[in-house]
Amino acid sequence: MVAPLLLAIVVGTISYGYLFWVHHGVQQLASEAARAAVAGLTDAERAQIAQDFVAGNAAAYGVLEIRRMRVSTAAGAAPASTFQVALDYDLTGFFIYQFSGILPLPGPRIRRTAVIQRGGY
């Protein structure tokens, strides 16, 4: 009688832990890609550096798959002089979303951004 409840708690804990791990990994990867982009001299070069960084380092997080990820970059206006790296990660098809009717789950799309300042310190 207690076993099904205990099993549900264990599976739920592991699943939510995995979701938090993915959310954290996407944010960290966006932050590191933005930091790496500082080395670029132009916005196009910064965008390429960020793309290359994400492609080369996503596997290091263990849970992130590059095929599920989209990278976008944007340059801020002149007064702010910022550069933004945004990662969009798609968890559609992950097994826990089969229980979305009975569990309060975040959406399957994870979007995280990181912004750096382009000079003018």
Protein backbone atom coordinates (compact mmCIF):
# COMPACT_ATOMS: atom_id res chain seq x y z
CA MET A 1 0.00 0.00 0.00
CA VAL A 2 2.84 2.36 0.76
CA ALA A 3 5.05 1.19 -2.14
CA PRO A 4 3.11 2.94 -4.97
CA LEU A 5 3.12 6.22 -3.06
CA LEU A 6 6.81 5.91 -2.26
CA LEU A 7 7.60 5.03 -5.87
CA ALA A 8 5.62 8.05 -7.11
CA ILE A 9 7.52 10.34 -4.73
CA VAL A 10 10.89 8.94 -5.82
CA VAL A 11 10.09 9.22 -9.55
CA GLY A 12 8.72 12.73 -9.06
CA THR A 13 11.79 13.83 -7.13
CA ILE A 14 14.15 12.46 -9.78
CA SER A 15 12.12 14.01 -12.61
CA TYR A 16 11.93 17.45 -11.02
CA GLY A 17 15.63 17.23 -10.19
CA TYR A 18 16.35 16.55 -13.84
CA LEU A 19 14.22 19.53 -14.91
CA PHE A 20 16.04 21.84 -12.48
CA TRP A 21 19.39 20.48 -13.73
CA VAL A 22 18.42 21.27 -17.33
CA HIS A 23 17.17 24.77 -16.43
CA HIS A 24 20.38 25.51 -14.54
CA GLY A 25 22.55 24.09 -17.33
CA VAL A 26 20.87 26.23 -19.98
CA GLN A 27 21.35 29.38 -17.89
CA GLN A 28 24.99 28.58 -17.17
CA LEU A 29 25.69 27.83 -20.83
CA ALA A 30 24.08 31.13 -21.89
CA SER A 31 26.16 33.02 -19.32
CA GLU A 32 29.40 31.35 -20.36
CA ALA A 33 28.67 31.90 -24.06
CA ALA A 34 28.06 35.60 -23.38
CA ARG A 35 31.33 35.83 -21.47
CA ALA A 36 33.18 34.10 -24.30
CA ALA A 37 31.62 36.54 -26.80
CA VAL A 38 33.42 39.44 -25.12
CA ALA A 39 36.50 38.50 -27.16
CA GLY A 40 34.81 39.45 -30.45
CA LEU A 41 35.61 42.77 -32.07
CA THR A 42 32.34 43.07 -34.00
CA ASP A 43 28.80 41.91 -33.26
CA ALA A 44 29.02 39.34 -36.05
CA GLU A 45 32.21 37.93 -34.56
CA ARG A 46 30.64 37.90 -31.09
CA ALA A 47 27.64 36.00 -32.45
CA GLN A 48 29.89 33.42 -34.10
CA ILE A 49 31.95 33.00 -30.93
CA ALA A 50 28.77 32.46 -28.89
CA GLN A 51 27.43 29.91 -31.42
CA ASP A 52 30.73 28.03 -31.45
CA PHE A 53 30.98 28.07 -27.66
CA VAL A 54 27.51 26.59 -27.25
CA ALA A 55 28.13 23.93 -29.89
CA GLY A 56 31.45 22.97 -28.35
CA ASN A 57 30.44 22.97 -24.69
CA ALA A 58 26.80 21.85 -24.46
CA ALA A 59 27.82 18.21 -24.07
CA ALA A 60 29.94 19.08 -21.03
CA TYR A 61 26.75 19.60 -19.01
CA GLY A 62 25.73 15.97 -19.36
CA VAL A 63 22.01 16.62 -19.79
CA LEU A 64 21.96 19.13 -22.63
CA GLU A 65 21.58 17.97 -26.21
CA ILE A 66 22.73 20.37 -28.91
CA ARG A 67 19.98 19.23 -31.28
CA ARG A 68 17.34 20.58 -28.88
CA MET A 69 18.98 23.98 -28.55
CA ARG A 70 18.71 27.20 -30.57
CA VAL A 71 21.09 30.10 -30.04
CA SER A 72 20.24 33.69 -30.86
CA THR A 73 22.19 36.86 -30.28
CA ALA A 74 21.28 40.54 -30.33
CA ALA A 75 23.18 43.77 -29.97
CA GLY A 76 21.79 46.51 -27.79
CA ALA A 77 21.43 50.15 -28.79
CA ALA A 78 24.38 52.53 -28.59
CA PRO A 79 23.74 54.09 -25.15
CA ALA A 80 23.43 50.72 -23.42
CA SER A 81 26.13 49.09 -25.57
CA THR A 82 25.18 45.54 -24.64
CA PHE A 83 25.29 42.16 -26.35
CA GLN A 84 22.74 39.45 -25.53
CA VAL A 85 22.98 35.69 -25.93
CA ALA A 86 19.70 33.76 -25.70
CA LEU A 87 19.32 29.99 -25.59
CA ASP A 88 16.04 28.28 -26.36
CA TYR A 89 15.94 24.63 -25.27
CA ASP A 90 13.08 22.32 -26.22
CA LEU A 91 12.12 19.51 -23.83
CA THR A 92 9.09 18.44 -25.88
CA GLY A 93 8.86 14.67 -25.77
CA PHE A 94 10.58 14.29 -22.40
CA PHE A 95 8.78 11.52 -20.50
CA ILE A 96 7.64 13.61 -17.53
CA TYR A 97 5.45 15.75 -19.80
CA GLN A 98 3.19 12.72 -20.28
CA PHE A 99 1.97 13.48 -16.76
CA SER A 100 1.31 17.17 -17.37
CA GLY A 101 -2.38 16.65 -16.64
CA ILE A 102 -1.72 15.60 -13.04
CA LEU A 103 1.57 17.36 -12.26
CA PRO A 104 2.23 21.10 -12.16
CA LEU A 105 5.06 21.33 -14.68
CA PRO A 106 6.84 24.25 -16.29
CA GLY A 107 6.49 24.56 -20.05
CA PRO A 108 8.66 22.34 -22.23
CA ARG A 109 10.45 25.37 -23.76
CA ILE A 110 13.28 26.80 -21.68
CA ARG A 111 14.51 30.26 -22.70
CA ARG A 112 17.41 31.81 -20.86
CA THR A 113 19.39 34.93 -21.68
CA ALA A 114 22.64 36.53 -20.62
CA VAL A 115 23.74 40.09 -21.35
CA ILE A 116 27.24 41.52 -21.39
CA GLN A 117 28.42 45.09 -21.72
CA ARG A 118 30.46 45.93 -24.83
CA GLY A 119 33.24 48.16 -23.55
CA GLY A 120 32.72 51.64 -22.12
CA TYR A 121 33.50 50.60 -18.58
